[in-house]
Amino acid sequence: MTSAPLEITAAEASRMLQEAGAGECLLLDCRTPEEHATARIQGALLIPMHELPQRVGELGSWQARQIVVYCHHGVRSLRVTHWLRERGYVHVSSLRGGIEAWSLDVDPQVPRY
């Protein structure tokens, strides 16, 4: 089984989401609820990084499917990506540049903060 790239660009993530069938690619927002309320990518699942150890069971059905993790700039999402990979989620990638890159490169309607 080949693992996904550790990091992908906003353009690559957007393309992946468009090409994936329904339910085949999950956007995982690991920011705080306050950040999520400020700006979010439509359809993303919010599991703040500090809650992930208690809530990882919510991702059980995603272990064999693609997950793209994002945060504000890509630092927390990279940590979450490593953490999930250590637990067998080989198809997980971090969104390089986070929601900031998404707003700049994919959807300018997403507020920058």
Protein backbone atom coordinates (compact mmCIF):
# COMPACT_ATOMS: atom_id res chain seq x y z
CA MET A 1 0.00 0.00 0.00
CA THR A 2 1.50 3.33 -1.08
CA SER A 3 1.15 6.22 1.33
CA ALA A 4 -0.02 9.68 0.32
CA PRO A 5 2.47 12.56 0.09
CA LEU A 6 3.23 14.04 3.50
CA GLU A 7 2.23 17.53 2.31
CA ILE A 8 0.14 18.72 -0.62
CA THR A 9 -0.54 22.19 -1.98
CA ALA A 10 -3.91 23.89 -1.84
CA ALA A 11 -4.30 23.43 -5.61
CA GLU A 12 -3.53 19.70 -5.30
CA ALA A 13 -6.01 19.35 -2.42
CA SER A 14 -8.71 21.18 -4.37
CA ARG A 15 -8.15 18.95 -7.39
CA MET A 16 -8.20 15.85 -5.20
CA LEU A 17 -11.51 16.88 -3.63
CA GLN A 18 -13.05 17.58 -7.03
CA GLU A 19 -11.89 14.27 -8.51
CA ALA A 20 -12.74 12.09 -5.51
CA GLY A 21 -16.12 10.45 -5.38
CA ALA A 22 -18.52 11.37 -2.59
CA GLY A 23 -17.12 10.23 0.72
CA GLU A 24 -13.66 9.40 -0.66
CA CYS A 25 -11.68 12.36 0.65
CA LEU A 26 -12.02 13.98 4.07
CA LEU A 27 -10.92 17.50 4.92
CA LEU A 28 -9.94 17.50 8.59
CA ASP A 29 -9.70 20.90 10.30
CA CYS A 30 -7.44 20.62 13.36
CA ARG A 31 -7.77 24.27 14.44
CA THR A 32 -9.70 25.59 17.43
CA PRO A 33 -13.47 26.15 17.32
CA GLU A 34 -12.81 29.91 17.40
CA GLU A 35 -10.59 29.72 14.32
CA HIS A 36 -13.14 27.48 12.59
CA ALA A 37 -15.85 30.09 13.28
CA THR A 38 -13.65 32.77 11.67
CA ALA A 39 -12.84 30.88 8.46
CA ARG A 40 -13.47 27.36 7.21
CA ILE A 41 -13.40 25.21 4.11
CA GLN A 42 -16.86 23.98 3.23
CA GLY A 43 -17.48 20.36 4.21
CA ALA A 44 -14.51 20.01 6.57
CA LEU A 45 -14.75 18.03 9.80
CA LEU A 46 -13.53 19.97 12.83
CA ILE A 47 -11.52 17.97 15.35
CA PRO A 48 -9.18 20.34 17.20
CA MET A 49 -5.65 18.99 17.55
CA HIS A 50 -5.88 18.80 21.35
CA GLU A 51 -9.09 16.71 21.10
CA LEU A 52 -7.77 14.22 18.54
CA PRO A 53 -6.54 11.56 21.01
CA GLN A 54 -10.04 11.32 22.49
CA ARG A 55 -11.87 11.61 19.16
CA VAL A 56 -9.67 9.58 16.78
CA GLY A 57 -12.37 6.89 16.78
CA GLU A 58 -14.47 9.26 14.64
CA LEU A 59 -11.90 8.69 11.86
CA GLY A 60 -11.98 4.89 12.02
CA SER A 61 -13.77 4.49 8.70
CA TRP A 62 -11.20 6.81 7.06
CA GLN A 63 -8.14 4.68 7.77
CA ALA A 64 -8.03 3.38 4.19
CA ARG A 65 -9.25 6.57 2.49
CA GLN A 66 -7.69 9.96 1.78
CA ILE A 67 -7.58 12.58 4.55
CA VAL A 68 -6.27 16.12 4.07
CA VAL A 69 -5.54 17.86 7.38
CA TYR A 70 -5.40 21.63 7.61
CA CYS A 71 -4.80 24.35 10.17
CA HIS A 72 -3.96 28.04 9.83
CA HIS A 73 -0.48 27.85 8.25
CA GLY A 74 0.32 24.13 8.10
CA VAL A 75 2.34 23.52 11.28
CA ARG A 76 -0.33 21.85 13.43
CA SER A 77 -1.71 19.92 10.47
CA LEU A 78 1.74 18.46 9.80
CA ARG A 79 1.95 17.30 13.44
CA VAL A 80 -1.53 15.77 13.18
CA THR A 81 -0.56 14.08 9.90
CA HIS A 82 2.48 12.47 11.55
CA TRP A 83 0.36 11.43 14.56
CA LEU A 84 -2.28 9.79 12.34
CA ARG A 85 0.34 8.03 10.21
CA GLU A 86 1.84 6.55 13.37
CA ARG A 87 -1.59 5.02 13.96
CA GLY A 88 -1.92 3.47 10.51
CA TYR A 89 -3.58 6.25 8.50
CA VAL A 90 -1.27 6.04 5.47
CA HIS A 91 -3.45 8.13 3.15
CA VAL A 92 -3.25 11.31 5.20
CA SER A 93 -1.57 14.50 3.99
CA SER A 94 -1.10 17.96 5.45
CA LEU A 95 -2.28 21.02 3.52
CA ARG A 96 0.94 23.00 3.01
CA GLY A 97 0.32 26.61 4.02
CA GLY A 98 -3.00 25.76 5.67
CA ILE A 99 -6.24 27.62 5.20
CA GLU A 100 -4.18 30.72 4.43
CA ALA A 101 -2.89 29.05 1.25
CA TRP A 102 -6.40 27.79 0.45
CA SER A 103 -7.72 31.37 0.64
CA LEU A 104 -4.87 32.73 -1.51
CA ASP A 105 -4.70 29.94 -4.12
CA VAL A 106 -8.14 28.29 -4.28
CA ASP A 107 -11.01 30.23 -2.71
CA PRO A 108 -10.60 33.94 -1.97
CA GLN A 109 -14.07 33.88 -0.34
CA VAL A 110 -12.48 32.11 2.65
CA PRO A 111 -11.49 34.91 5.05
CA ARG A 112 -7.83 35.39 5.93
CA TYR A 113 -6.93 36.08 9.54
